[in-house]
Amino acid sequence: MKRHTHFTVLGKPFFSIGGQLHNSTGYALGAVGGEKYEQDTQAAFAALKAIGANTAAVPVCWDAFEPEEGKFDCDYVRRIIDRVREHGLHAILLWFASWKNGQMEYAPAWVKADRKRFRRAVCKD
């Protein structure tokens, strides 16, 4: 097997220059109703263009992807990818799931409701 030492896009070496969009931008890009964040989204893409980026790292939020246990909204991810491509950028998807910075903001309601199955972090405060 040939060892790869670089990223490729369409079979050619690719050097990613990018930035991460805000934590909740995945909702704005992919979730139904995300149009209300259009101004923020456009500002984020303008900032990426201003730094000469060719790649956007975008959070994919678990609660938007699997709002009900076992029921996945794959169109949510497709919408994110399509929006990034509309701006001539490549996408790196970041999975925001059960815990981020000790908080479970991106976990679905069905996870938050089941404290026995899904244990909580304990903080001093």
C-alpha atoms as a PDB file:
ATOM      1  CA  MET A   1       0.000   0.000   0.000  1.00  0.00           C
ATOM      2  CA  LYS A   2       1.323   3.426  -0.959  1.00  0.00           C
ATOM      3  CA  ARG A   3       1.861   5.758   1.988  1.00  0.00           C
ATOM      4  CA  HIS A   4       0.400   9.237   1.665  1.00  0.00           C
ATOM      5  CA  THR A   5       2.218  12.108   3.301  1.00  0.00           C
ATOM      6  CA  HIS A   6      -0.114  14.908   2.232  1.00  0.00           C
ATOM      7  CA  PHE A   7      -3.762  15.764   1.667  1.00  0.00           C
ATOM      8  CA  THR A   8      -5.073  15.422  -1.850  1.00  0.00           C
ATOM      9  CA  VAL A   9      -8.061  16.913  -3.627  1.00  0.00           C
ATOM     10  CA  LEU A  10      -9.042  15.329  -6.927  1.00  0.00           C
ATOM     11  CA  GLY A  11      -5.766  13.412  -6.874  1.00  0.00           C
ATOM     12  CA  LYS A  12      -3.541  16.490  -6.476  1.00  0.00           C
ATOM     13  CA  PRO A  13      -1.667  17.649  -3.362  1.00  0.00           C
ATOM     14  CA  PHE A  14      -3.686  20.126  -1.313  1.00  0.00           C
ATOM     15  CA  PHE A  15      -2.441  22.517   1.355  1.00  0.00           C
ATOM     16  CA  SER A  16      -5.324  23.575   3.568  1.00  0.00           C
ATOM     17  CA  ILE A  17      -5.387  27.209   4.659  1.00  0.00           C
ATOM     18  CA  GLY A  18      -8.441  27.771   6.743  1.00  0.00           C
ATOM     19  CA  GLY A  19     -10.242  28.858   9.805  1.00  0.00           C
ATOM     20  CA  GLN A  20     -12.882  27.496  12.111  1.00  0.00           C
ATOM     21  CA  LEU A  21     -16.310  29.044  11.998  1.00  0.00           C
ATOM     22  CA  HIS A  22     -18.005  29.933  15.281  1.00  0.00           C
ATOM     23  CA  ASN A  23     -19.186  27.025  17.432  1.00  0.00           C
ATOM     24  CA  SER A  24     -22.845  27.399  16.505  1.00  0.00           C
ATOM     25  CA  THR A  25     -22.374  28.267  12.830  1.00  0.00           C
ATOM     26  CA  GLY A  26     -23.267  24.675  11.949  1.00  0.00           C
ATOM     27  CA  TYR A  27     -26.828  25.481  12.971  1.00  0.00           C
ATOM     28  CA  ALA A  28     -26.899  28.541  10.744  1.00  0.00           C
ATOM     29  CA  LEU A  29     -25.493  26.677   7.737  1.00  0.00           C
ATOM     30  CA  GLY A  30     -27.330  23.393   7.969  1.00  0.00           C
ATOM     31  CA  ALA A  31     -30.358  23.562  10.196  1.00  0.00           C
ATOM     32  CA  VAL A  32     -33.774  24.340   8.824  1.00  0.00           C
ATOM     33  CA  GLY A  33     -34.486  27.948   9.781  1.00  0.00           C
ATOM     34  CA  GLY A  34     -30.792  28.823   9.843  1.00  0.00           C
ATOM     35  CA  GLU A  35     -31.461  31.632   7.387  1.00  0.00           C
ATOM     36  CA  LYS A  36     -32.070  33.976  10.329  1.00  0.00           C
ATOM     37  CA  TYR A  37     -28.301  33.878  10.926  1.00  0.00           C
ATOM     38  CA  GLU A  38     -27.456  34.754   7.337  1.00  0.00           C
ATOM     39  CA  GLN A  39     -25.722  38.042   8.223  1.00  0.00           C
ATOM     40  CA  ASP A  40     -23.384  36.294  10.692  1.00  0.00           C
ATOM     41  CA  THR A  41     -22.744  33.502   8.213  1.00  0.00           C
ATOM     42  CA  GLN A  42     -21.815  35.933   5.447  1.00  0.00           C
ATOM     43  CA  ALA A  43     -19.450  37.773   7.806  1.00  0.00           C
ATOM     44  CA  ALA A  44     -17.741  34.474   8.683  1.00  0.00           C
ATOM     45  CA  PHE A  45     -17.194  33.578   5.034  1.00  0.00           C
ATOM     46  CA  ALA A  46     -15.973  37.115   4.276  1.00  0.00           C
ATOM     47  CA  ALA A  47     -13.393  36.759   7.059  1.00  0.00           C
ATOM     48  CA  LEU A  48     -12.174  33.455   5.599  1.00  0.00           C
ATOM     49  CA  LYS A  49     -11.826  35.020   2.170  1.00  0.00           C
ATOM     50  CA  ALA A  50      -9.977  38.011   3.682  1.00  0.00           C
ATOM     51  CA  ILE A  51      -7.259  35.728   5.087  1.00  0.00           C
ATOM     52  CA  GLY A  52      -6.954  33.837   1.806  1.00  0.00           C
ATOM     53  CA  ALA A  53      -8.516  30.659   3.163  1.00  0.00           C
ATOM     54  CA  ASN A  54      -9.409  27.709   0.975  1.00  0.00           C
ATOM     55  CA  THR A  55     -10.943  25.639   3.790  1.00  0.00           C
ATOM     56  CA  ALA A  56     -13.615  26.159   6.447  1.00  0.00           C
ATOM     57  CA  ALA A  57     -13.781  24.024   9.580  1.00  0.00           C
ATOM     58  CA  VAL A  58     -17.466  23.831  10.495  1.00  0.00           C
ATOM     59  CA  PRO A  59     -19.039  22.292  13.599  1.00  0.00           C
ATOM     60  CA  VAL A  60     -21.650  19.581  13.049  1.00  0.00           C
ATOM     61  CA  CYS A  61     -23.869  19.638  16.112  1.00  0.00           C
ATOM     62  CA  TRP A  62     -25.156  16.290  17.350  1.00  0.00           C
ATOM     63  CA  ASP A  63     -28.538  17.666  18.429  1.00  0.00           C
ATOM     64  CA  ALA A  64     -29.220  18.921  14.898  1.00  0.00           C
ATOM     65  CA  PHE A  65     -27.929  15.739  13.256  1.00  0.00           C
ATOM     66  CA  GLU A  66     -29.824  13.268  15.490  1.00  0.00           C
ATOM     67  CA  PRO A  67     -32.724  15.162  17.099  1.00  0.00           C
ATOM     68  CA  GLU A  68     -34.455  11.858  17.937  1.00  0.00           C
ATOM     69  CA  GLU A  69     -32.508   8.766  18.889  1.00  0.00           C
ATOM     70  CA  GLY A  70     -31.724   6.747  15.763  1.00  0.00           C
ATOM     71  CA  LYS A  71     -33.261   9.327  13.392  1.00  0.00           C
ATOM     72  CA  PHE A  72     -30.550  11.149  11.490  1.00  0.00           C
ATOM     73  CA  ASP A  73     -30.905  14.336   9.453  1.00  0.00           C
ATOM     74  CA  CYS A  74     -28.257  13.680   6.799  1.00  0.00           C
ATOM     75  CA  ASP A  75     -29.544  16.673   4.846  1.00  0.00           C
ATOM     76  CA  TYR A  76     -28.255  18.860   7.680  1.00  0.00           C
ATOM     77  CA  VAL A  77     -24.672  17.817   6.847  1.00  0.00           C
ATOM     78  CA  ARG A  78     -25.297  18.079   3.105  1.00  0.00           C
ATOM     79  CA  ARG A  79     -26.573  21.649   3.542  1.00  0.00           C
ATOM     80  CA  ILE A  80     -23.400  22.578   5.451  1.00  0.00           C
ATOM     81  CA  ILE A  81     -21.187  21.128   2.718  1.00  0.00           C
ATOM     82  CA  ASP A  82     -23.222  22.818  -0.022  1.00  0.00           C
ATOM     83  CA  ARG A  83     -23.018  26.220   1.703  1.00  0.00           C
ATOM     84  CA  VAL A  84     -19.243  25.923   2.128  1.00  0.00           C
ATOM     85  CA  ARG A  85     -18.870  24.934  -1.524  1.00  0.00           C
ATOM     86  CA  GLU A  86     -21.003  27.930  -2.601  1.00  0.00           C
ATOM     87  CA  HIS A  87     -18.176  30.069  -1.236  1.00  0.00           C
ATOM     88  CA  GLY A  88     -15.516  28.154  -3.172  1.00  0.00           C
ATOM     89  CA  LEU A  89     -14.107  26.519  -0.048  1.00  0.00           C
ATOM     90  CA  HIS A  90     -13.412  22.977   1.114  1.00  0.00           C
ATOM     91  CA  ALA A  91     -15.019  21.779   4.351  1.00  0.00           C
ATOM     92  CA  ILE A  92     -13.592  20.095   7.398  1.00  0.00           C
ATOM     93  CA  LEU A  93     -16.413  18.851   9.619  1.00  0.00           C
ATOM     94  CA  LEU A  94     -15.948  19.068  13.388  1.00  0.00           C
ATOM     95  CA  TRP A  95     -18.159  16.767  15.456  1.00  0.00           C
ATOM     96  CA  PHE A  96     -19.676  18.650  18.409  1.00  0.00           C
ATOM     97  CA  ALA A  97     -21.253  15.914  20.460  1.00  0.00           C
ATOM     98  CA  SER A  98     -21.842  15.103  24.082  1.00  0.00           C
ATOM     99  CA  TRP A  99     -19.328  17.314  25.903  1.00  0.00           C
ATOM    100  CA  LYS A 100     -17.520  20.511  24.992  1.00  0.00           C
ATOM    101  CA  ASN A 101     -15.704  22.516  27.639  1.00  0.00           C
ATOM    102  CA  GLY A 102     -17.502  20.554  30.365  1.00  0.00           C
ATOM    103  CA  GLN A 103     -20.929  21.486  29.006  1.00  0.00           C
ATOM    104  CA  MET A 104     -23.396  19.406  27.020  1.00  0.00           C
ATOM    105  CA  GLU A 105     -24.808  22.195  24.878  1.00  0.00           C
ATOM    106  CA  TYR A 106     -24.690  20.234  21.621  1.00  0.00           C
ATOM    107  CA  ALA A 107     -26.133  16.965  22.935  1.00  0.00           C
ATOM    108  CA  PRO A 108     -29.697  16.133  21.836  1.00  0.00           C
ATOM    109  CA  ALA A 109     -32.597  16.573  24.275  1.00  0.00           C
ATOM    110  CA  TRP A 110     -33.060  12.800  24.446  1.00  0.00           C
ATOM    111  CA  VAL A 111     -29.505  12.450  25.805  1.00  0.00           C
ATOM    112  CA  LYS A 112     -29.938  15.280  28.304  1.00  0.00           C
ATOM    113  CA  ALA A 113     -33.165  13.715  29.598  1.00  0.00           C
ATOM    114  CA  ASP A 114     -31.618  10.315  30.397  1.00  0.00           C
ATOM    115  CA  ARG A 115     -29.235  10.931  33.321  1.00  0.00           C
ATOM    116  CA  LYS A 116     -28.859   7.227  34.100  1.00  0.00           C
ATOM    117  CA  ARG A 117     -27.676   6.241  30.636  1.00  0.00           C
ATOM    118  CA  PHE A 118     -25.708   9.433  29.990  1.00  0.00           C
ATOM    119  CA  ARG A 119     -23.755  10.463  33.088  1.00  0.00           C
ATOM    120  CA  ARG A 120     -22.975  14.098  33.838  1.00  0.00           C
ATOM    121  CA  ALA A 121     -19.695  15.824  34.461  1.00  0.00           C
ATOM    122  CA  VAL A 122     -19.354  17.167  37.965  1.00  0.00           C
ATOM    123  CA  CYS A 123     -17.892  20.657  38.334  1.00  0.00           C
ATOM    124  CA  LYS A 124     -16.914  22.399  41.558  1.00  0.00           C
ATOM    125  CA  ASP A 125     -19.549  25.071  40.937  1.00  0.00           C
END
